[in-house]
Amino acid sequence: MQSKGQTAAKVIGVILVLALLAGIVAVIYRFTNGFNEDFKTFYVEYDGEQILTTESEMHLVEGNTHRFGVKYTFDTENSEPKDYNVKVIPNAERDFDFTVDGERYLYSKEGDMTAAFGLNKQDTYFELVIPEDFSLQYALQSCYPGQTVVVPSEAENGNAYPYTLVVSSYNESVVYRIDLSVGAEVTGVTLDPEQIIFTGTQE
């Protein structure tokens, strides 16, 4: 017969095993976006939060430097830093025509727009430096220095997330696409009988 001490030890052992299994399942759930995606061996962090979904949206405030951490899931403090890829491209779902020196171009075909975002890439993080006067006009003008770029006003005002930040692991086995909007920070909403007034400040 087993003693009470042996029985209690077995129960504790079973509880510990179940707790370990629950922890493993929770980690897998988190790193697979609720079991809906492949397990992420590479991920991005912003403002203390892990980005683990392959597609998401984010608002960046003008006049600020925005820092993103990049990490490989199974790396330790002693691991050699691995490379990664980062670029900003047009969000093809927010398409429009613009002109460069009078010649018409399609926004979705523009390609790399990273130069407009002041990218500072380091081993374990990167920064996007957003000037206070940032706009679609500014972004496209950065791609065509010395030329005259004209962006229609409806495109400037009607594109909620016109840019896509693409961050991928060194071998591109894990890719994150973050649709970006850029503007002033909204700090409050004033309700008016005739209209809704948004108020905000730039940091």
N, C-alpha and C. Protein backbone atom coordinates (compact mmCIF):
# COMPACT_ATOMS: atom_id res chain seq x y z
N MET A 1 0.84 -1.21 0.00
CA MET A 1 0.00 0.00 0.00
C MET A 1 0.88 1.26 0.00
N GLN A 2 0.41 2.26 -0.68
CA GLN A 2 1.15 3.50 -0.70
C GLN A 2 0.81 4.35 0.51
N SER A 3 1.82 5.03 1.00
CA SER A 3 1.59 5.92 2.13
C SER A 3 0.92 7.19 1.64
N LYS A 4 0.39 7.96 2.59
CA LYS A 4 -0.25 9.23 2.23
C LYS A 4 0.77 10.18 1.60
N GLY A 5 2.01 10.09 2.08
CA GLY A 5 3.06 10.95 1.52
C GLY A 5 3.34 10.64 0.06
N GLN A 6 3.36 9.33 -0.28
CA GLN A 6 3.60 8.94 -1.67
C GLN A 6 2.44 9.37 -2.57
N THR A 7 1.22 9.19 -2.06
CA THR A 7 0.03 9.60 -2.84
C THR A 7 0.04 11.10 -3.09
N ALA A 8 0.37 11.87 -2.06
CA ALA A 8 0.41 13.33 -2.20
C ALA A 8 1.48 13.75 -3.20
N ALA A 9 2.62 13.07 -3.18
CA ALA A 9 3.70 13.40 -4.11
C ALA A 9 3.28 13.13 -5.54
N LYS A 10 2.56 11.99 -5.75
CA LYS A 10 2.08 11.68 -7.10
C LYS A 10 1.08 12.72 -7.59
N VAL A 11 0.18 13.13 -6.69
CA VAL A 11 -0.81 14.14 -7.06
C VAL A 11 -0.12 15.45 -7.44
N ILE A 12 0.86 15.84 -6.63
CA ILE A 12 1.60 17.06 -6.91
C ILE A 12 2.33 16.94 -8.25
N GLY A 13 2.91 15.74 -8.49
CA GLY A 13 3.61 15.52 -9.76
C GLY A 13 2.67 15.65 -10.94
N VAL A 14 1.48 15.08 -10.83
CA VAL A 14 0.49 15.17 -11.91
C VAL A 14 0.09 16.63 -12.14
N ILE A 15 -0.13 17.36 -11.05
CA ILE A 15 -0.51 18.77 -11.16
C ILE A 15 0.58 19.57 -11.85
N LEU A 16 1.84 19.31 -11.51
CA LEU A 16 2.96 20.02 -12.13
C LEU A 16 3.06 19.72 -13.62
N VAL A 17 2.85 18.44 -13.97
CA VAL A 17 2.88 18.06 -15.39
C VAL A 17 1.76 18.75 -16.15
N LEU A 18 0.56 18.76 -15.56
CA LEU A 18 -0.58 19.43 -16.21
C LEU A 18 -0.34 20.92 -16.36
N ALA A 19 0.26 21.53 -15.32
CA ALA A 19 0.56 22.96 -15.38
C ALA A 19 1.59 23.26 -16.48
N LEU A 20 2.59 22.36 -16.59
CA LEU A 20 3.60 22.53 -17.64
C LEU A 20 2.97 22.41 -19.02
N LEU A 21 2.11 21.39 -19.18
CA LEU A 21 1.43 21.21 -20.47
C LEU A 21 0.55 22.40 -20.80
N ALA A 22 -0.15 22.91 -19.78
CA ALA A 22 -1.01 24.09 -19.99
C ALA A 22 -0.19 25.29 -20.42
N GLY A 23 0.99 25.43 -19.81
CA GLY A 23 1.88 26.53 -20.18
C GLY A 23 2.36 26.40 -21.60
N ILE A 24 2.71 25.18 -22.01
CA ILE A 24 3.18 24.94 -23.38
C ILE A 24 2.07 25.25 -24.38
N VAL A 25 0.85 24.79 -24.07
CA VAL A 25 -0.29 25.05 -24.95
C VAL A 25 -0.55 26.55 -25.06
N ALA A 26 -0.44 27.27 -23.93
CA ALA A 26 -0.67 28.72 -23.94
C ALA A 26 0.35 29.43 -24.83
N VAL A 27 1.61 29.00 -24.75
CA VAL A 27 2.66 29.61 -25.58
C VAL A 27 2.38 29.32 -27.06
N ILE A 28 2.03 28.07 -27.38
CA ILE A 28 1.75 27.71 -28.77
C ILE A 28 0.54 28.51 -29.27
N TYR A 29 -0.49 28.65 -28.42
CA TYR A 29 -1.68 29.41 -28.79
C TYR A 29 -1.31 30.85 -29.13
N ARG A 30 -0.46 31.45 -28.29
CA ARG A 30 -0.07 32.85 -28.49
C ARG A 30 0.78 33.03 -29.75
N PHE A 31 1.72 32.12 -29.97
CA PHE A 31 2.64 32.27 -31.09
C PHE A 31 2.09 31.71 -32.40
N THR A 32 0.84 31.24 -32.40
CA THR A 32 0.19 30.81 -33.64
C THR A 32 -1.09 31.60 -33.89
N ASN A 33 -1.24 32.73 -33.17
CA ASN A 33 -2.44 33.57 -33.32
C ASN A 33 -3.70 32.73 -33.14
N GLY A 34 -3.76 32.06 -31.98
CA GLY A 34 -4.93 31.24 -31.66
C GLY A 34 -5.05 30.00 -32.51
N PHE A 35 -3.90 29.38 -32.84
CA PHE A 35 -3.82 28.17 -33.66
C PHE A 35 -4.23 28.42 -35.12
N ASN A 36 -4.29 29.69 -35.53
CA ASN A 36 -4.72 30.02 -36.89
C ASN A 36 -3.56 30.24 -37.85
N GLU A 37 -2.34 30.33 -37.34
CA GLU A 37 -1.17 30.56 -38.17
C GLU A 37 -0.04 29.64 -37.76
N ASP A 38 1.01 29.60 -38.55
CA ASP A 38 2.18 28.80 -38.20
C ASP A 38 2.85 29.37 -36.95
N PHE A 39 3.56 28.52 -36.23
CA PHE A 39 4.28 28.95 -35.03
C PHE A 39 5.35 29.98 -35.41
N LYS A 40 5.39 31.10 -34.69
CA LYS A 40 6.31 32.18 -35.01
C LYS A 40 7.67 31.96 -34.34
N THR A 41 8.69 31.74 -35.14
CA THR A 41 10.06 31.64 -34.63
C THR A 41 10.76 33.00 -34.63
N PHE A 42 10.04 34.02 -35.11
CA PHE A 42 10.55 35.38 -35.19
C PHE A 42 9.38 36.32 -34.96
N TYR A 43 9.59 37.38 -34.16
CA TYR A 43 8.48 38.30 -33.91
C TYR A 43 8.98 39.72 -33.70
N VAL A 44 8.04 40.65 -33.70
CA VAL A 44 8.32 42.08 -33.58
C VAL A 44 7.68 42.60 -32.30
N GLU A 45 8.34 43.55 -31.67
CA GLU A 45 7.79 44.21 -30.48
C GLU A 45 7.68 45.70 -30.72
N TYR A 46 6.60 46.30 -30.21
CA TYR A 46 6.44 47.75 -30.29
C TYR A 46 5.73 48.23 -29.04
N ASP A 47 6.33 49.21 -28.39
CA ASP A 47 5.74 49.82 -27.20
C ASP A 47 5.42 48.76 -26.13
N GLY A 48 6.32 47.80 -25.97
CA GLY A 48 6.15 46.77 -24.95
C GLY A 48 5.23 45.64 -25.31
N GLU A 49 4.66 45.66 -26.50
CA GLU A 49 3.72 44.62 -26.93
C GLU A 49 4.33 43.78 -28.05
N GLN A 50 4.11 42.47 -27.99
CA GLN A 50 4.57 41.58 -29.05
C GLN A 50 3.57 41.59 -30.20
N ILE A 51 4.09 41.70 -31.41
CA ILE A 51 3.26 41.59 -32.62
C ILE A 51 3.44 40.18 -33.16
N LEU A 52 2.37 39.38 -33.09
CA LEU A 52 2.46 37.96 -33.45
C LEU A 52 1.48 37.57 -34.55
N THR A 53 0.70 38.53 -35.05
CA THR A 53 -0.20 38.24 -36.16
C THR A 53 0.45 38.70 -37.45
N THR A 54 0.29 37.95 -38.51
CA THR A 54 0.98 38.25 -39.75
C THR A 54 0.47 39.54 -40.39
N GLU A 55 -0.77 39.91 -40.12
CA GLU A 55 -1.32 41.15 -40.67
C GLU A 55 -1.96 41.96 -39.57
N SER A 56 -1.62 43.25 -39.48
CA SER A 56 -2.18 44.11 -38.45
C SER A 56 -2.15 45.55 -38.93
N GLU A 57 -2.65 46.46 -38.09
CA GLU A 57 -2.68 47.89 -38.41
C GLU A 57 -2.09 48.68 -37.25
N MET A 58 -1.50 49.85 -37.57
CA MET A 58 -0.87 50.65 -36.54
C MET A 58 -0.89 52.12 -36.96
N HIS A 59 -1.07 53.00 -35.97
CA HIS A 59 -1.00 54.44 -36.22
C HIS A 59 0.30 54.98 -35.65
N LEU A 60 1.05 55.74 -36.45
CA LEU A 60 2.28 56.37 -36.01
C LEU A 60 2.07 57.88 -35.90
N VAL A 61 2.58 58.46 -34.83
CA VAL A 61 2.40 59.89 -34.59
C VAL A 61 3.51 60.68 -35.27
N GLU A 62 3.14 61.75 -35.91
CA GLU A 62 4.11 62.63 -36.57
C GLU A 62 5.09 63.23 -35.56
N GLY A 63 6.29 63.53 -36.02
CA GLY A 63 7.28 64.18 -35.18
C GLY A 63 7.89 63.28 -34.14
N ASN A 64 7.71 61.98 -34.26
CA ASN A 64 8.23 61.03 -33.28
C ASN A 64 9.16 60.02 -33.92
N THR A 65 10.02 59.42 -33.08
CA THR A 65 10.83 58.27 -33.48
C THR A 65 10.17 57.02 -32.92
N HIS A 66 9.82 56.08 -33.77
CA HIS A 66 9.11 54.87 -33.36
C HIS A 66 10.07 53.69 -33.42
N ARG A 67 10.25 53.02 -32.27
CA ARG A 67 11.23 51.94 -32.17
C ARG A 67 10.54 50.58 -32.12
N PHE A 68 11.03 49.66 -32.94
CA PHE A 68 10.50 48.30 -33.02
C PHE A 68 11.62 47.31 -32.67
N GLY A 69 11.36 46.42 -31.73
CA GLY A 69 12.31 45.36 -31.43
C GLY A 69 12.06 44.16 -32.33
N VAL A 70 13.11 43.42 -32.64
CA VAL A 70 12.97 42.19 -33.42
C VAL A 70 13.65 41.07 -32.65
N LYS A 71 12.97 39.93 -32.53
CA LYS A 71 13.49 38.84 -31.72
C LYS A 71 13.21 37.49 -32.38
N TYR A 72 14.14 36.57 -32.19
CA TYR A 72 13.93 35.18 -32.59
C TYR A 72 13.54 34.40 -31.34
N THR A 73 12.46 33.65 -31.44
CA THR A 73 11.81 33.03 -30.28
C THR A 73 12.74 32.19 -29.44
N PHE A 74 13.61 31.41 -30.05
CA PHE A 74 14.43 30.45 -29.31
C PHE A 74 15.85 30.96 -29.05
N ASP A 75 16.12 32.20 -29.39
CA ASP A 75 17.44 32.76 -29.11
C ASP A 75 17.58 33.11 -27.63
N THR A 76 18.81 33.05 -27.12
CA THR A 76 19.11 33.45 -25.75
C THR A 76 19.97 34.71 -25.78
N GLU A 77 20.32 35.20 -24.59
CA GLU A 77 21.15 36.40 -24.51
C GLU A 77 22.52 36.18 -25.13
N ASN A 78 22.97 34.93 -25.17
CA ASN A 78 24.30 34.61 -25.71
C ASN A 78 24.27 34.26 -27.20
N SER A 79 23.08 34.23 -27.79
CA SER A 79 22.98 33.87 -29.21
C SER A 79 23.53 34.99 -30.10
N GLU A 80 24.15 34.60 -31.19
CA GLU A 80 24.62 35.59 -32.16
C GLU A 80 23.40 36.24 -32.85
N PRO A 81 23.40 37.57 -32.98
CA PRO A 81 22.26 38.23 -33.64
C PRO A 81 22.08 37.73 -35.07
N LYS A 82 20.85 37.43 -35.43
CA LYS A 82 20.53 37.05 -36.81
C LYS A 82 20.02 38.28 -37.55
N ASP A 83 20.22 38.29 -38.83
CA ASP A 83 19.75 39.41 -39.64
C ASP A 83 18.23 39.33 -39.80
N TYR A 84 17.65 40.38 -40.30
CA TYR A 84 16.22 40.44 -40.60
C TYR A 84 16.03 41.46 -41.70
N ASN A 85 14.83 41.53 -42.25
CA ASN A 85 14.53 42.44 -43.36
C ASN A 85 13.41 43.39 -42.94
N VAL A 86 13.52 44.65 -43.35
CA VAL A 86 12.46 45.62 -43.05
C VAL A 86 12.37 46.63 -44.18
N LYS A 87 11.15 46.93 -44.59
CA LYS A 87 10.92 47.95 -45.63
C LYS A 87 9.50 48.47 -45.50
N VAL A 88 9.25 49.60 -46.12
CA VAL A 88 7.91 50.17 -46.19
C VAL A 88 7.51 50.25 -47.66
N ILE A 89 6.33 49.73 -47.97
CA ILE A 89 5.83 49.73 -49.35
C ILE A 89 4.42 50.31 -49.36
N PRO A 90 3.87 50.66 -50.53
CA PRO A 90 2.49 51.12 -50.58
C PRO A 90 1.51 50.02 -50.17
N ASN A 91 0.44 50.43 -49.52
CA ASN A 91 -0.67 49.52 -49.28
C ASN A 91 -1.50 49.47 -50.55
N ALA A 92 -1.42 48.37 -51.28
CA ALA A 92 -2.05 48.27 -52.60
C ALA A 92 -3.57 48.43 -52.54
N GLU A 93 -4.16 48.23 -51.36
CA GLU A 93 -5.61 48.38 -51.23
C GLU A 93 -6.02 49.85 -51.16
N ARG A 94 -5.07 50.75 -51.05
CA ARG A 94 -5.34 52.19 -50.99
C ARG A 94 -4.75 52.85 -52.24
N ASP A 95 -5.17 52.41 -53.40
CA ASP A 95 -4.52 52.80 -54.65
C ASP A 95 -5.07 54.12 -55.20
N PHE A 96 -4.23 54.83 -55.96
CA PHE A 96 -4.62 56.08 -56.62
C PHE A 96 -3.54 56.45 -57.63
N ASP A 97 -3.86 57.40 -58.51
CA ASP A 97 -2.90 57.93 -59.47
C ASP A 97 -2.25 59.19 -58.91
N PHE A 98 -0.96 59.39 -59.22
CA PHE A 98 -0.28 60.65 -58.92
C PHE A 98 0.65 60.95 -60.08
N THR A 99 1.20 62.16 -60.12
CA THR A 99 2.06 62.52 -61.24
C THR A 99 3.45 62.91 -60.76
N VAL A 100 4.44 62.63 -61.60
CA VAL A 100 5.83 63.04 -61.38
C VAL A 100 6.26 63.76 -62.64
N ASP A 101 6.53 65.08 -62.51
CA ASP A 101 6.86 65.91 -63.67
C ASP A 101 5.82 65.75 -64.77
N GLY A 102 4.56 65.66 -64.36
CA GLY A 102 3.46 65.58 -65.31
C GLY A 102 3.13 64.19 -65.82
N GLU A 103 3.98 63.21 -65.50
CA GLU A 103 3.73 61.83 -65.96
C GLU A 103 2.96 61.06 -64.89
N ARG A 104 1.94 60.34 -65.30
CA ARG A 104 1.05 59.67 -64.37
C ARG A 104 1.63 58.32 -63.90
N TYR A 105 1.51 58.08 -62.60
CA TYR A 105 1.97 56.82 -61.99
C TYR A 105 0.86 56.23 -61.13
N LEU A 106 0.91 54.92 -60.95
CA LEU A 106 -0.04 54.22 -60.08
C LEU A 106 0.65 53.93 -58.75
N TYR A 107 0.01 54.35 -57.66
CA TYR A 107 0.62 54.25 -56.33
C TYR A 107 1.01 52.81 -55.97
N SER A 108 0.15 51.85 -56.27
CA SER A 108 0.42 50.45 -55.89
C SER A 108 1.65 49.88 -56.57
N LYS A 109 2.10 50.49 -57.67
CA LYS A 109 3.27 50.01 -58.40
C LYS A 109 4.56 50.71 -57.96
N GLU A 110 4.47 51.53 -56.92
CA GLU A 110 5.60 52.38 -56.54
C GLU A 110 6.79 51.59 -56.02
N GLY A 111 6.55 50.50 -55.30
CA GLY A 111 7.67 49.73 -54.77
C GLY A 111 8.12 50.22 -53.40
N ASP A 112 9.42 50.31 -53.20
CA ASP A 112 9.99 50.62 -51.89
C ASP A 112 9.86 52.10 -51.55
N MET A 113 9.26 52.41 -50.38
CA MET A 113 9.11 53.80 -49.91
C MET A 113 9.86 54.02 -48.59
N THR A 114 10.78 53.13 -48.26
CA THR A 114 11.44 53.17 -46.97
C THR A 114 12.19 54.48 -46.73
N ALA A 115 12.71 55.09 -47.79
CA ALA A 115 13.50 56.31 -47.64
C ALA A 115 12.72 57.43 -46.97
N ALA A 116 11.41 57.42 -47.10
CA ALA A 116 10.58 58.49 -46.53
C ALA A 116 10.43 58.35 -45.01
N PHE A 117 10.79 57.19 -44.47
CA PHE A 117 10.52 56.91 -43.05
C PHE A 117 11.77 56.95 -42.18
N GLY A 118 12.88 57.43 -42.72
CA GLY A 118 14.09 57.61 -41.91
C GLY A 118 14.52 56.35 -41.19
N LEU A 119 14.55 55.23 -41.88
CA LEU A 119 14.85 53.95 -41.24
C LEU A 119 16.25 53.93 -40.62
N ASN A 120 16.30 53.52 -39.36
CA ASN A 120 17.56 53.29 -38.64
C ASN A 120 17.57 51.84 -38.20
N LYS A 121 18.28 50.99 -38.92
CA LYS A 121 18.26 49.54 -38.66
C LYS A 121 19.48 49.14 -37.83
N GLN A 122 19.21 48.45 -36.70
CA GLN A 122 20.25 47.92 -35.83
C GLN A 122 20.07 46.40 -35.71
N ASP A 123 20.98 45.75 -34.97
CA ASP A 123 20.94 44.28 -34.87
C ASP A 123 19.65 43.76 -34.27
N THR A 124 19.16 44.39 -33.21
CA THR A 124 18.01 43.86 -32.47
C THR A 124 16.79 44.79 -32.49
N TYR A 125 16.88 45.87 -33.22
CA TYR A 125 15.75 46.79 -33.31
C TYR A 125 15.93 47.69 -34.54
N PHE A 126 14.84 48.35 -34.90
CA PHE A 126 14.93 49.37 -35.93
C PHE A 126 14.02 50.53 -35.53
N GLU A 127 14.29 51.68 -36.08
CA GLU A 127 13.50 52.87 -35.79
C GLU A 127 12.98 53.50 -37.07
N LEU A 128 11.77 54.03 -37.00
CA LEU A 128 11.20 54.84 -38.07
C LEU A 128 11.10 56.26 -37.54
N VAL A 129 11.72 57.19 -38.22
CA VAL A 129 11.75 58.60 -37.79
C VAL A 129 10.76 59.37 -38.66
N ILE A 130 9.66 59.82 -38.04
CA ILE A 130 8.58 60.48 -38.77
C ILE A 130 8.64 61.99 -38.55
N PRO A 131 8.89 62.78 -39.59
CA PRO A 131 8.92 64.24 -39.41
C PRO A 131 7.52 64.81 -39.14
N GLU A 132 7.49 66.02 -38.62
CA GLU A 132 6.20 66.62 -38.25
C GLU A 132 5.35 66.97 -39.47
N ASP A 133 5.97 67.17 -40.62
CA ASP A 133 5.21 67.55 -41.81
C ASP A 133 4.97 66.36 -42.73
N PHE A 134 4.94 65.15 -42.17
CA PHE A 134 4.80 63.94 -42.97
C PHE A 134 3.43 63.90 -43.64
N SER A 135 3.42 63.45 -44.90
CA SER A 135 2.18 63.31 -45.68
C SER A 135 2.47 62.38 -46.85
N LEU A 136 1.43 62.02 -47.59
CA LEU A 136 1.65 61.24 -48.81
C LEU A 136 2.53 62.01 -49.79
N GLN A 137 2.30 63.31 -49.86
CA GLN A 137 3.12 64.16 -50.72
C GLN A 137 4.59 64.06 -50.32
N TYR A 138 4.86 64.17 -49.01
CA TYR A 138 6.24 64.08 -48.51
C TYR A 138 6.83 62.71 -48.83
N ALA A 139 6.05 61.65 -48.58
CA ALA A 139 6.56 60.29 -48.78
C ALA A 139 6.93 60.05 -50.24
N LEU A 140 6.05 60.44 -51.15
CA LEU A 140 6.32 60.21 -52.57
C LEU A 140 7.42 61.14 -53.09
N GLN A 141 7.47 62.37 -52.58
CA GLN A 141 8.52 63.28 -52.97
C GLN A 141 9.90 62.74 -52.58
N SER A 142 9.94 62.02 -51.45
CA SER A 142 11.20 61.41 -51.01
C SER A 142 11.69 60.36 -51.99
N CYS A 143 10.76 59.76 -52.74
CA CYS A 143 11.12 58.74 -53.72
C CYS A 143 11.56 59.36 -55.05
N TYR A 144 11.24 60.65 -55.25
CA TYR A 144 11.58 61.33 -56.50
C TYR A 144 12.24 62.68 -56.20
N PRO A 145 13.40 62.68 -55.56
CA PRO A 145 14.07 63.95 -55.24
C PRO A 145 14.40 64.75 -56.49
N GLY A 146 14.16 66.06 -56.41
CA GLY A 146 14.46 66.93 -57.55
C GLY A 146 13.39 66.97 -58.61
N GLN A 147 12.32 66.19 -58.44
CA GLN A 147 11.22 66.18 -59.41
C GLN A 147 9.95 66.70 -58.74
N THR A 148 8.99 67.07 -59.56
CA THR A 148 7.74 67.63 -59.04
C THR A 148 6.69 66.54 -58.92
N VAL A 149 6.31 66.25 -57.69
CA VAL A 149 5.31 65.22 -57.41
C VAL A 149 4.00 65.90 -57.03
N VAL A 150 2.90 65.46 -57.63
CA VAL A 150 1.57 65.99 -57.32
C VAL A 150 0.67 64.84 -56.90
N VAL A 151 0.15 64.93 -55.67
CA VAL A 151 -0.76 63.92 -55.14
C VAL A 151 -2.15 64.53 -55.06
N PRO A 152 -3.17 63.92 -55.62
CA PRO A 152 -4.52 64.49 -55.56
C PRO A 152 -5.02 64.58 -54.13
N SER A 153 -5.77 65.64 -53.84
CA SER A 153 -6.22 65.90 -52.47
C SER A 153 -7.09 64.76 -51.93
N GLU A 154 -7.89 64.14 -52.80
CA GLU A 154 -8.75 63.05 -52.34
C GLU A 154 -7.93 61.85 -51.88
N ALA A 155 -6.76 61.64 -52.48
CA ALA A 155 -5.88 60.56 -52.05
C ALA A 155 -5.23 60.91 -50.71
N GLU A 156 -4.83 62.17 -50.55
CA GLU A 156 -4.20 62.62 -49.31
C GLU A 156 -5.16 62.51 -48.14
N ASN A 157 -6.42 62.80 -48.36
CA ASN A 157 -7.40 62.84 -47.28
C ASN A 157 -8.17 61.54 -47.11
N GLY A 158 -8.13 60.66 -48.10
CA GLY A 158 -9.01 59.50 -48.06
C GLY A 158 -8.33 58.16 -47.86
N ASN A 159 -7.07 58.17 -47.47
CA ASN A 159 -6.34 56.91 -47.31
C ASN A 159 -5.99 56.70 -45.83
N ALA A 160 -6.73 55.83 -45.18
CA ALA A 160 -6.55 55.61 -43.74
C ALA A 160 -5.21 54.93 -43.43
N TYR A 161 -4.86 53.91 -44.20
CA TYR A 161 -3.61 53.17 -43.99
C TYR A 161 -2.89 53.03 -45.32
N PRO A 162 -2.24 54.09 -45.81
CA PRO A 162 -1.67 54.05 -47.14
C PRO A 162 -0.33 53.33 -47.26
N TYR A 163 0.29 52.98 -46.12
CA TYR A 163 1.62 52.35 -46.15
C TYR A 163 1.56 50.98 -45.48
N THR A 164 2.46 50.09 -45.89
CA THR A 164 2.58 48.78 -45.26
C THR A 164 4.03 48.55 -44.85
N LEU A 165 4.23 48.35 -43.55
CA LEU A 165 5.55 48.01 -43.02
C LEU A 165 5.71 46.50 -43.10
N VAL A 166 6.74 46.05 -43.81
CA VAL A 166 6.99 44.61 -43.98
C VAL A 166 8.27 44.24 -43.22
N VAL A 167 8.12 43.36 -42.23
CA VAL A 167 9.26 42.91 -41.43
C VAL A 167 9.33 41.40 -41.54
N SER A 168 10.50 40.87 -41.88
CA SER A 168 10.61 39.42 -42.05
C SER A 168 11.91 38.91 -41.46
N SER A 169 11.93 37.62 -41.15
CA SER A 169 13.13 36.96 -40.65
C SER A 169 14.19 36.92 -41.75
N TYR A 170 15.39 36.54 -41.37
CA TYR A 170 16.52 36.59 -42.31
C TYR A 170 16.27 35.77 -43.58
N ASN A 171 15.53 34.65 -43.44
CA ASN A 171 15.25 33.81 -44.60
C ASN A 171 13.82 33.98 -45.12
N GLU A 172 13.12 34.98 -44.58
CA GLU A 172 11.75 35.31 -44.97
C GLU A 172 10.76 34.17 -44.74
N SER A 173 11.08 33.29 -43.79
CA SER A 173 10.13 32.23 -43.46
C SER A 173 8.98 32.76 -42.60
N VAL A 174 9.22 33.87 -41.90
CA VAL A 174 8.18 34.55 -41.12
C VAL A 174 8.11 35.99 -41.61
N VAL A 175 6.91 36.42 -42.01
CA VAL A 175 6.73 37.76 -42.56
C VAL A 175 5.56 38.45 -41.87
N TYR A 176 5.79 39.68 -41.42
CA TYR A 176 4.72 40.49 -40.82
C TYR A 176 4.44 41.68 -41.74
N ARG A 177 3.16 41.94 -41.96
CA ARG A 177 2.73 43.08 -42.76
C ARG A 177 1.85 43.96 -41.87
N ILE A 178 2.36 45.16 -41.56
CA ILE A 178 1.66 46.08 -40.66
C ILE A 178 1.24 47.30 -41.46
N ASP A 179 -0.05 47.47 -41.70
CA ASP A 179 -0.55 48.64 -42.41
C ASP A 179 -0.43 49.86 -41.50
N LEU A 180 0.14 50.94 -42.05
CA LEU A 180 0.45 52.12 -41.25
C LEU A 180 -0.38 53.33 -41.67
N SER A 181 -0.82 54.09 -40.68
CA SER A 181 -1.31 55.45 -40.90
C SER A 181 -0.40 56.38 -40.12
N VAL A 182 -0.28 57.61 -40.58
CA VAL A 182 0.59 58.59 -39.94
C VAL A 182 -0.18 59.88 -39.76
N GLY A 183 -0.13 60.44 -38.55
CA GLY A 183 -0.82 61.71 -38.30
C GLY A 183 -0.68 62.14 -36.86
N ALA A 184 -1.40 63.19 -36.51
CA ALA A 184 -1.37 63.70 -35.14
C ALA A 184 -2.05 62.72 -34.20
N GLU A 185 -1.67 62.76 -32.94
CA GLU A 185 -2.26 61.89 -31.94
C GLU A 185 -3.60 62.45 -31.50
N VAL A 186 -4.65 61.64 -31.56
CA VAL A 186 -5.98 62.06 -31.11
C VAL A 186 -6.05 61.93 -29.60
N THR A 187 -6.32 63.04 -28.91
CA THR A 187 -6.35 63.04 -27.45
C THR A 187 -7.75 63.16 -26.88
N GLY A 188 -8.73 63.46 -27.73
CA GLY A 188 -10.09 63.58 -27.22
C GLY A 188 -11.07 63.74 -28.36
N VAL A 189 -12.35 63.55 -28.03
CA VAL A 189 -13.42 63.71 -29.00
C VAL A 189 -14.47 64.62 -28.39
N THR A 190 -14.81 65.71 -29.10
CA THR A 190 -15.84 66.64 -28.64
C THR A 190 -17.11 66.41 -29.44
N LEU A 191 -18.20 66.12 -28.76
CA LEU A 191 -19.48 65.88 -29.42
C LEU A 191 -20.19 67.22 -29.62
N ASP A 192 -20.61 67.47 -30.83
CA ASP A 192 -21.30 68.70 -31.19
C ASP A 192 -22.59 68.30 -31.89
N PRO A 193 -23.68 69.04 -31.70
CA PRO A 193 -24.94 68.66 -32.36
C PRO A 193 -24.81 68.54 -33.87
N GLU A 194 -23.90 69.33 -34.48
CA GLU A 194 -23.78 69.34 -35.93
C GLU A 194 -22.68 68.43 -36.45
N GLN A 195 -21.66 68.17 -35.60
CA GLN A 195 -20.51 67.42 -36.09
C GLN A 195 -19.74 66.83 -34.93
N ILE A 196 -18.85 65.90 -35.24
CA ILE A 196 -17.94 65.34 -34.25
C ILE A 196 -16.57 65.95 -34.47
N ILE A 197 -16.01 66.54 -33.42
CA ILE A 197 -14.74 67.25 -33.54
C ILE A 197 -13.66 66.46 -32.83
N PHE A 198 -12.61 66.06 -33.55
CA PHE A 198 -11.49 65.35 -32.96
C PHE A 198 -10.41 66.37 -32.61
N THR A 199 -9.84 66.20 -31.41
CA THR A 199 -8.76 67.09 -31.00
C THR A 199 -7.52 66.26 -30.76
N GLY A 200 -6.36 66.84 -31.06
CA GLY A 200 -5.13 66.08 -30.86
C GLY A 200 -3.94 66.99 -30.83
N THR A 201 -2.84 66.42 -30.34
CA THR A 201 -1.59 67.17 -30.29
C THR A 201 -0.50 66.30 -30.84
N GLN A 202 0.55 66.90 -31.29
CA GLN A 202 1.73 66.17 -31.75
C GLN A 202 2.76 66.19 -30.65
N GLU A 203 3.37 65.01 -30.39
CA GLU A 203 4.39 64.94 -29.36
C GLU A 203 5.71 65.45 -29.90
